[in-house]
Amino acid sequence: WRSPAWPRVGLSEARLSSRVRYLGTRVADPAGLIELAEQRLWSVGTALVFAGEVELGVQLTNLLDQRPVDYEGYPLPGRAFFLRSAARW
């Protein structure tokens, strides 16, 4: 979702995003002996762009704090919080 510009405060754009990543049940080895459970990872984020040149953003990944695993079954980090800033000139 994107909002229109708010020139009074110098805001040229505001964004809100949501993403769901689904991985179904799968196997971790070629013989099919190790089965990995399904995963649903939900992320939300927002970003503000000022004067079309400075961007500030926040993102929260794995909102439901599930225990994801990689392709071989090793655990990955749980919930994470990210801050982002960028400037264009």
N, C-alpha and C. Protein backbone atom coordinates (compact mmCIF):
# COMPACT_ATOMS: atom_id res chain seq x y z
N TRP A 1 0.83 -1.15 0.00
CA TRP A 1 0.00 0.00 0.00
C TRP A 1 0.89 1.23 0.00
N ARG A 2 0.54 2.23 -0.82
CA ARG A 2 1.27 3.49 -0.89
C ARG A 2 0.31 4.64 -0.69
N SER A 3 0.76 5.65 0.01
CA SER A 3 -0.09 6.82 0.24
C SER A 3 0.33 7.95 -0.69
N PRO A 4 -0.55 8.91 -0.92
CA PRO A 4 -0.15 10.09 -1.69
C PRO A 4 0.80 10.97 -0.88
N ALA A 5 1.43 11.92 -1.56
CA ALA A 5 2.40 12.81 -0.91
C ALA A 5 1.71 13.75 0.08
N TRP A 6 2.44 14.09 1.12
CA TRP A 6 2.01 15.08 2.11
C TRP A 6 3.03 16.21 2.11
N PRO A 7 2.91 17.17 1.21
CA PRO A 7 3.94 18.20 1.08
C PRO A 7 4.11 19.07 2.33
N ARG A 8 3.10 19.19 3.15
CA ARG A 8 3.18 20.04 4.34
C ARG A 8 4.28 19.58 5.31
N VAL A 9 4.50 18.28 5.44
CA VAL A 9 5.54 17.75 6.33
C VAL A 9 6.76 17.25 5.55
N GLY A 10 6.76 17.42 4.24
CA GLY A 10 7.90 16.98 3.43
C GLY A 10 7.87 15.52 3.07
N LEU A 11 6.78 14.83 3.36
CA LEU A 11 6.67 13.40 3.07
C LEU A 11 6.21 13.21 1.63
N SER A 12 7.04 12.55 0.84
CA SER A 12 6.67 12.32 -0.55
C SER A 12 6.05 10.95 -0.78
N GLU A 13 6.27 10.01 0.14
CA GLU A 13 5.71 8.68 -0.04
C GLU A 13 5.72 7.93 1.29
N ALA A 14 4.69 7.13 1.53
CA ALA A 14 4.63 6.24 2.70
C ALA A 14 4.19 4.87 2.20
N ARG A 15 4.88 3.82 2.64
CA ARG A 15 4.56 2.47 2.19
C ARG A 15 4.33 1.56 3.39
N LEU A 16 3.42 0.62 3.21
CA LEU A 16 3.14 -0.41 4.20
C LEU A 16 3.11 -1.73 3.44
N SER A 17 3.83 -2.73 3.94
CA SER A 17 3.89 -4.00 3.23
C SER A 17 3.71 -5.18 4.18
N SER A 18 3.25 -6.26 3.63
CA SER A 18 3.08 -7.51 4.35
C SER A 18 3.45 -8.65 3.41
N ARG A 19 4.15 -9.64 3.92
CA ARG A 19 4.58 -10.76 3.07
C ARG A 19 4.43 -12.06 3.86
N VAL A 20 3.90 -13.07 3.20
CA VAL A 20 3.78 -14.41 3.79
C VAL A 20 4.57 -15.37 2.93
N ARG A 21 5.45 -16.13 3.55
CA ARG A 21 6.24 -17.14 2.85
C ARG A 21 5.82 -18.50 3.38
N TYR A 22 5.36 -19.35 2.48
CA TYR A 22 4.91 -20.68 2.88
C TYR A 22 5.82 -21.72 2.26
N LEU A 23 6.31 -22.63 3.07
CA LEU A 23 7.09 -23.78 2.61
C LEU A 23 6.36 -25.03 3.07
N GLY A 24 5.96 -25.86 2.15
CA GLY A 24 5.25 -27.08 2.49
C GLY A 24 6.18 -28.14 3.08
N THR A 25 5.61 -29.23 3.48
CA THR A 25 6.38 -30.35 4.01
C THR A 25 7.33 -30.83 2.92
N ARG A 26 8.58 -31.08 3.31
CA ARG A 26 9.59 -31.51 2.35
C ARG A 26 10.57 -32.45 3.03
N VAL A 27 11.41 -33.08 2.24
CA VAL A 27 12.41 -34.00 2.79
C VAL A 27 13.78 -33.35 2.73
N ALA A 28 14.65 -33.70 3.67
CA ALA A 28 15.97 -33.09 3.78
C ALA A 28 17.07 -33.95 3.16
N ASP A 29 16.78 -35.18 2.82
CA ASP A 29 17.80 -36.05 2.24
C ASP A 29 17.25 -36.74 1.00
N PRO A 30 18.12 -37.17 0.10
CA PRO A 30 17.67 -37.80 -1.15
C PRO A 30 16.86 -39.09 -0.94
N ALA A 31 17.10 -39.79 0.17
CA ALA A 31 16.37 -41.03 0.42
C ALA A 31 14.97 -40.77 0.98
N GLY A 32 14.68 -39.56 1.39
CA GLY A 32 13.37 -39.22 1.93
C GLY A 32 13.15 -39.70 3.35
N LEU A 33 14.22 -39.87 4.13
CA LEU A 33 14.10 -40.38 5.49
C LEU A 33 13.86 -39.27 6.52
N ILE A 34 14.32 -38.06 6.23
CA ILE A 34 14.17 -36.94 7.16
C ILE A 34 13.14 -35.97 6.59
N GLU A 35 12.01 -35.84 7.28
CA GLU A 35 10.95 -34.97 6.81
C GLU A 35 10.94 -33.67 7.60
N LEU A 36 10.88 -32.54 6.89
CA LEU A 36 10.83 -31.23 7.52
C LEU A 36 9.40 -30.72 7.49
N ALA A 37 8.94 -30.20 8.61
CA ALA A 37 7.56 -29.73 8.72
C ALA A 37 7.33 -28.48 7.88
N GLU A 38 6.07 -28.18 7.59
CA GLU A 38 5.73 -26.97 6.85
C GLU A 38 6.03 -25.73 7.69
N GLN A 39 6.24 -24.60 6.99
CA GLN A 39 6.55 -23.35 7.66
C GLN A 39 5.73 -22.23 7.05
N ARG A 40 5.26 -21.33 7.90
CA ARG A 40 4.58 -20.10 7.46
C ARG A 40 5.28 -18.94 8.15
N LEU A 41 5.95 -18.12 7.36
CA LEU A 41 6.69 -16.99 7.91
C LEU A 41 6.02 -15.70 7.43
N TRP A 42 5.61 -14.85 8.37
CA TRP A 42 4.89 -13.62 8.07
C TRP A 42 5.76 -12.44 8.44
N SER A 43 5.91 -11.49 7.51
CA SER A 43 6.71 -10.29 7.74
C SER A 43 5.87 -9.05 7.44
N VAL A 44 6.08 -7.99 8.20
CA VAL A 44 5.42 -6.71 7.96
C VAL A 44 6.48 -5.61 7.99
N GLY A 45 6.22 -4.54 7.24
CA GLY A 45 7.18 -3.45 7.21
C GLY A 45 6.53 -2.15 6.80
N THR A 46 7.24 -1.07 7.03
CA THR A 46 6.77 0.25 6.63
C THR A 46 7.99 1.08 6.24
N ALA A 47 7.76 2.07 5.37
CA ALA A 47 8.83 2.96 4.94
C ALA A 47 8.25 4.35 4.70
N LEU A 48 9.03 5.37 5.03
CA LEU A 48 8.66 6.76 4.79
C LEU A 48 9.76 7.39 3.93
N VAL A 49 9.35 8.11 2.87
CA VAL A 49 10.30 8.78 1.99
C VAL A 49 10.05 10.28 2.09
N PHE A 50 11.10 11.01 2.44
CA PHE A 50 11.01 12.45 2.59
C PHE A 50 11.71 13.15 1.43
N ALA A 51 11.01 14.11 0.83
CA ALA A 51 11.54 14.92 -0.27
C ALA A 51 12.04 14.06 -1.43
N GLY A 52 11.59 12.84 -1.54
CA GLY A 52 11.99 11.96 -2.63
C GLY A 52 13.42 11.48 -2.55
N GLU A 53 14.13 11.79 -1.46
CA GLU A 53 15.56 11.46 -1.39
C GLU A 53 15.99 10.70 -0.14
N VAL A 54 15.29 10.86 0.97
CA VAL A 54 15.67 10.20 2.22
C VAL A 54 14.59 9.20 2.60
N GLU A 55 14.99 7.96 2.80
CA GLU A 55 14.04 6.90 3.14
C GLU A 55 14.38 6.30 4.50
N LEU A 56 13.36 6.13 5.33
CA LEU A 56 13.50 5.48 6.63
C LEU A 56 12.51 4.32 6.66
N GLY A 57 12.97 3.15 7.09
CA GLY A 57 12.09 1.99 7.08
C GLY A 57 12.28 1.09 8.30
N VAL A 58 11.24 0.33 8.59
CA VAL A 58 11.23 -0.63 9.69
C VAL A 58 10.61 -1.92 9.16
N GLN A 59 11.18 -3.06 9.55
CA GLN A 59 10.62 -4.35 9.13
C GLN A 59 10.72 -5.35 10.28
N LEU A 60 9.66 -6.10 10.49
CA LEU A 60 9.62 -7.17 11.48
C LEU A 60 9.38 -8.47 10.73
N THR A 61 10.33 -9.39 10.81
CA THR A 61 10.21 -10.67 10.11
C THR A 61 9.86 -11.77 11.10
N ASN A 62 9.22 -12.81 10.60
CA ASN A 62 8.80 -13.95 11.40
C ASN A 62 7.94 -13.48 12.57
N LEU A 63 6.90 -12.74 12.24
CA LEU A 63 6.03 -12.10 13.23
C LEU A 63 5.45 -13.10 14.24
N LEU A 64 5.14 -14.32 13.80
CA LEU A 64 4.54 -15.32 14.68
C LEU A 64 5.58 -16.11 15.47
N ASP A 65 6.86 -15.78 15.29
CA ASP A 65 7.98 -16.40 16.01
C ASP A 65 7.99 -17.92 15.90
N GLN A 66 7.85 -18.42 14.68
CA GLN A 66 7.98 -19.86 14.46
C GLN A 66 9.46 -20.21 14.40
N ARG A 67 9.78 -21.48 14.53
CA ARG A 67 11.17 -21.94 14.48
C ARG A 67 11.47 -22.46 13.08
N PRO A 68 11.93 -21.58 12.18
CA PRO A 68 12.22 -22.04 10.82
C PRO A 68 13.50 -22.86 10.77
N VAL A 69 13.60 -23.68 9.73
CA VAL A 69 14.81 -24.47 9.49
C VAL A 69 15.23 -24.27 8.04
N ASP A 70 16.52 -24.50 7.77
CA ASP A 70 17.00 -24.37 6.40
C ASP A 70 16.72 -25.67 5.63
N TYR A 71 17.29 -25.79 4.45
CA TYR A 71 17.00 -26.93 3.58
C TYR A 71 17.52 -28.26 4.11
N GLU A 72 18.43 -28.22 5.08
CA GLU A 72 18.97 -29.45 5.64
C GLU A 72 18.42 -29.75 7.03
N GLY A 73 17.55 -28.86 7.55
CA GLY A 73 16.95 -29.09 8.85
C GLY A 73 17.62 -28.38 10.00
N TYR A 74 18.65 -27.57 9.72
CA TYR A 74 19.31 -26.81 10.79
C TYR A 74 18.46 -25.60 11.16
N PRO A 75 18.37 -25.27 12.46
CA PRO A 75 17.52 -24.14 12.87
C PRO A 75 18.06 -22.80 12.39
N LEU A 76 17.13 -21.90 12.08
CA LEU A 76 17.44 -20.52 11.70
C LEU A 76 16.96 -19.58 12.79
N PRO A 77 17.42 -18.33 12.80
CA PRO A 77 16.96 -17.39 13.84
C PRO A 77 15.45 -17.19 13.81
N GLY A 78 14.89 -16.86 14.95
CA GLY A 78 13.45 -16.62 15.06
C GLY A 78 13.09 -15.22 14.61
N ARG A 79 12.28 -14.55 15.39
CA ARG A 79 11.81 -13.20 15.04
C ARG A 79 12.99 -12.23 14.95
N ALA A 80 12.91 -11.30 13.99
CA ALA A 80 13.98 -10.31 13.81
C ALA A 80 13.37 -8.95 13.50
N PHE A 81 14.08 -7.89 13.90
CA PHE A 81 13.65 -6.52 13.72
C PHE A 81 14.74 -5.77 12.96
N PHE A 82 14.37 -5.06 11.89
CA PHE A 82 15.35 -4.36 11.07
C PHE A 82 14.97 -2.89 10.93
N LEU A 83 15.97 -2.02 11.00
CA LEU A 83 15.82 -0.60 10.70
C LEU A 83 16.63 -0.32 9.43
N ARG A 84 16.09 0.53 8.58
CA ARG A 84 16.76 0.80 7.31
C ARG A 84 16.72 2.31 7.03
N SER A 85 17.81 2.83 6.50
CA SER A 85 17.81 4.22 6.05
C SER A 85 18.61 4.29 4.75
N ALA A 86 18.18 5.20 3.87
CA ALA A 86 18.87 5.37 2.60
C ALA A 86 18.73 6.82 2.16
N ALA A 87 19.75 7.29 1.45
CA ALA A 87 19.70 8.65 0.91
C ALA A 87 20.12 8.59 -0.56
N ARG A 88 19.42 9.32 -1.39
CA ARG A 88 19.75 9.39 -2.81
C ARG A 88 20.14 10.81 -3.15
N TRP A 89 21.17 10.97 -3.97
CA TRP A 89 21.54 12.31 -4.41
C TRP A 89 21.99 12.27 -5.83
